[in-house]
């Protein structure tokens, strides 16, 4: 019983840490800017596939005319950092 209580206490203490590390969602303004940027490049994606990272944004499953599906990374200023063909 003591082990069970100790384990439960550890989980309760650790839970806020795990919750805080959950990625935030991009603001509506940033999503609109990213979607406009992609439209200029004849690309589209599901806005739900925008992942916020410490140093920018990870755009998963971007579909671009003539080049297919890609993953794109943007910095915090929405400048393209990398693009990987899938």
C-alpha atoms as a PDB file:
ATOM      1  CA  UNK A   1       0.000   0.000   0.000  1.00  0.00           C
ATOM      2  CA  UNK A   2       2.880   2.331   0.814  1.00  0.00           C
ATOM      3  CA  UNK A   3       4.374   1.772  -2.672  1.00  0.00           C
ATOM      4  CA  UNK A   4       1.022   2.532  -4.261  1.00  0.00           C
ATOM      5  CA  UNK A   5       0.658   5.783  -2.315  1.00  0.00           C
ATOM      6  CA  UNK A   6       4.226   6.804  -3.144  1.00  0.00           C
ATOM      7  CA  UNK A   7       3.637   6.109  -6.838  1.00  0.00           C
ATOM      8  CA  UNK A   8       0.383   8.067  -6.802  1.00  0.00           C
ATOM      9  CA  UNK A   9       2.090  11.004  -5.094  1.00  0.00           C
ATOM     10  CA  UNK A  10       4.895  11.005  -7.683  1.00  0.00           C
ATOM     11  CA  UNK A  11       2.355  11.045 -10.515  1.00  0.00           C
ATOM     12  CA  UNK A  12       0.456  13.917  -8.922  1.00  0.00           C
ATOM     13  CA  UNK A  13       3.661  15.932  -8.566  1.00  0.00           C
ATOM     14  CA  UNK A  14       4.807  15.172 -12.128  1.00  0.00           C
ATOM     15  CA  UNK A  15       1.445  15.824 -13.813  1.00  0.00           C
ATOM     16  CA  UNK A  16       1.811  19.643 -14.003  1.00  0.00           C
ATOM     17  CA  UNK A  17       5.262  19.244 -15.556  1.00  0.00           C
ATOM     18  CA  UNK A  18       3.883  17.006 -18.299  1.00  0.00           C
ATOM     19  CA  UNK A  19       0.943  19.350 -18.852  1.00  0.00           C
ATOM     20  CA  UNK A  20       3.228  22.382 -19.095  1.00  0.00           C
ATOM     21  CA  UNK A  21       5.434  20.678 -21.674  1.00  0.00           C
ATOM     22  CA  UNK A  22       2.446  20.137 -23.990  1.00  0.00           C
ATOM     23  CA  UNK A  23       2.911  22.184 -27.128  1.00  0.00           C
ATOM     24  CA  UNK A  24       0.905  25.367 -27.405  1.00  0.00           C
ATOM     25  CA  UNK A  25      -1.296  26.045 -30.397  1.00  0.00           C
ATOM     26  CA  UNK A  26      -0.409  28.820 -32.800  1.00  0.00           C
ATOM     27  CA  UNK A  27      -2.523  31.954 -32.440  1.00  0.00           C
ATOM     28  CA  UNK A  28      -5.225  32.640 -35.025  1.00  0.00           C
ATOM     29  CA  UNK A  29      -3.147  35.550 -36.322  1.00  0.00           C
ATOM     30  CA  UNK A  30      -0.055  33.375 -36.840  1.00  0.00           C
ATOM     31  CA  UNK A  31      -2.133  30.630 -38.482  1.00  0.00           C
ATOM     32  CA  UNK A  32      -3.598  33.209 -40.893  1.00  0.00           C
ATOM     33  CA  UNK A  33      -0.101  34.522 -41.715  1.00  0.00           C
ATOM     34  CA  UNK A  34       1.234  31.011 -42.313  1.00  0.00           C
ATOM     35  CA  UNK A  35      -1.734  30.079 -44.499  1.00  0.00           C
ATOM     36  CA  UNK A  36      -1.271  33.289 -46.559  1.00  0.00           C
ATOM     37  CA  UNK A  37       2.448  32.572 -46.920  1.00  0.00           C
ATOM     38  CA  UNK A  38       1.690  29.053 -48.154  1.00  0.00           C
ATOM     39  CA  UNK A  39      -0.987  30.314 -50.578  1.00  0.00           C
ATOM     40  CA  UNK A  40       1.618  32.648 -52.154  1.00  0.00           C
ATOM     41  CA  UNK A  41       3.745  29.551 -52.789  1.00  0.00           C
ATOM     42  CA  UNK A  42       0.768  27.605 -54.191  1.00  0.00           C
ATOM     43  CA  UNK A  43       0.801  25.370 -51.126  1.00  0.00           C
ATOM     44  CA  UNK A  44      -1.899  24.322 -48.696  1.00  0.00           C
ATOM     45  CA  UNK A  45      -2.211  22.340 -45.495  1.00  0.00           C
ATOM     46  CA  UNK A  46      -4.549  21.603 -42.633  1.00  0.00           C
ATOM     47  CA  UNK A  47      -4.007  24.381 -40.036  1.00  0.00           C
ATOM     48  CA  UNK A  48      -4.231  21.695 -37.334  1.00  0.00           C
ATOM     49  CA  UNK A  49      -0.864  20.397 -38.615  1.00  0.00           C
ATOM     50  CA  UNK A  50       0.971  23.552 -37.488  1.00  0.00           C
ATOM     51  CA  UNK A  51       3.116  22.646 -34.495  1.00  0.00           C
ATOM     52  CA  UNK A  52       4.582  25.322 -32.241  1.00  0.00           C
ATOM     53  CA  UNK A  53       8.199  24.714 -31.274  1.00  0.00           C
ATOM     54  CA  UNK A  54      10.652  26.670 -29.139  1.00  0.00           C
ATOM     55  CA  UNK A  55      12.374  28.188 -32.147  1.00  0.00           C
ATOM     56  CA  UNK A  56       9.478  28.452 -34.599  1.00  0.00           C
ATOM     57  CA  UNK A  57       6.823  26.379 -36.329  1.00  0.00           C
ATOM     58  CA  UNK A  58       6.791  22.909 -37.864  1.00  0.00           C
ATOM     59  CA  UNK A  59       4.357  22.564 -40.756  1.00  0.00           C
ATOM     60  CA  UNK A  60       3.488  18.922 -41.396  1.00  0.00           C
ATOM     61  CA  UNK A  61       1.996  17.508 -44.585  1.00  0.00           C
ATOM     62  CA  UNK A  62       2.137  20.659 -46.711  1.00  0.00           C
ATOM     63  CA  UNK A  63       0.940  19.998 -50.275  1.00  0.00           C
ATOM     64  CA  UNK A  64       2.535  22.234 -52.923  1.00  0.00           C
ATOM     65  CA  UNK A  65       1.612  22.430 -56.604  1.00  0.00           C
ATOM     66  CA  UNK A  66       4.135  20.556 -58.680  1.00  0.00           C
ATOM     67  CA  UNK A  67       6.226  19.297 -55.784  1.00  0.00           C
ATOM     68  CA  UNK A  68       3.901  17.140 -53.666  1.00  0.00           C
ATOM     69  CA  UNK A  69       3.900  16.668 -49.915  1.00  0.00           C
ATOM     70  CA  UNK A  70       6.539  18.333 -47.747  1.00  0.00           C
ATOM     71  CA  UNK A  71       7.368  19.240 -44.177  1.00  0.00           C
ATOM     72  CA  UNK A  72       8.426  22.857 -43.691  1.00  0.00           C
ATOM     73  CA  UNK A  73      10.053  24.516 -40.688  1.00  0.00           C
ATOM     74  CA  UNK A  74       9.668  28.250 -40.065  1.00  0.00           C
ATOM     75  CA  UNK A  75      11.466  30.414 -37.533  1.00  0.00           C
ATOM     76  CA  UNK A  76       9.557  32.685 -35.135  1.00  0.00           C
ATOM     77  CA  UNK A  77       9.511  35.442 -37.806  1.00  0.00           C
ATOM     78  CA  UNK A  78       7.914  32.985 -40.283  1.00  0.00           C
ATOM     79  CA  UNK A  79      11.052  32.726 -42.413  1.00  0.00           C
ATOM     80  CA  UNK A  80      11.575  29.300 -43.959  1.00  0.00           C
ATOM     81  CA  UNK A  81      14.388  27.389 -42.235  1.00  0.00           C
ATOM     82  CA  UNK A  82      14.065  24.034 -43.966  1.00  0.00           C
ATOM     83  CA  UNK A  83      11.888  22.015 -46.325  1.00  0.00           C
ATOM     84  CA  UNK A  84      11.848  18.232 -46.601  1.00  0.00           C
ATOM     85  CA  UNK A  85      10.112  16.268 -49.327  1.00  0.00           C
ATOM     86  CA  UNK A  86       8.033  13.326 -48.097  1.00  0.00           C
END
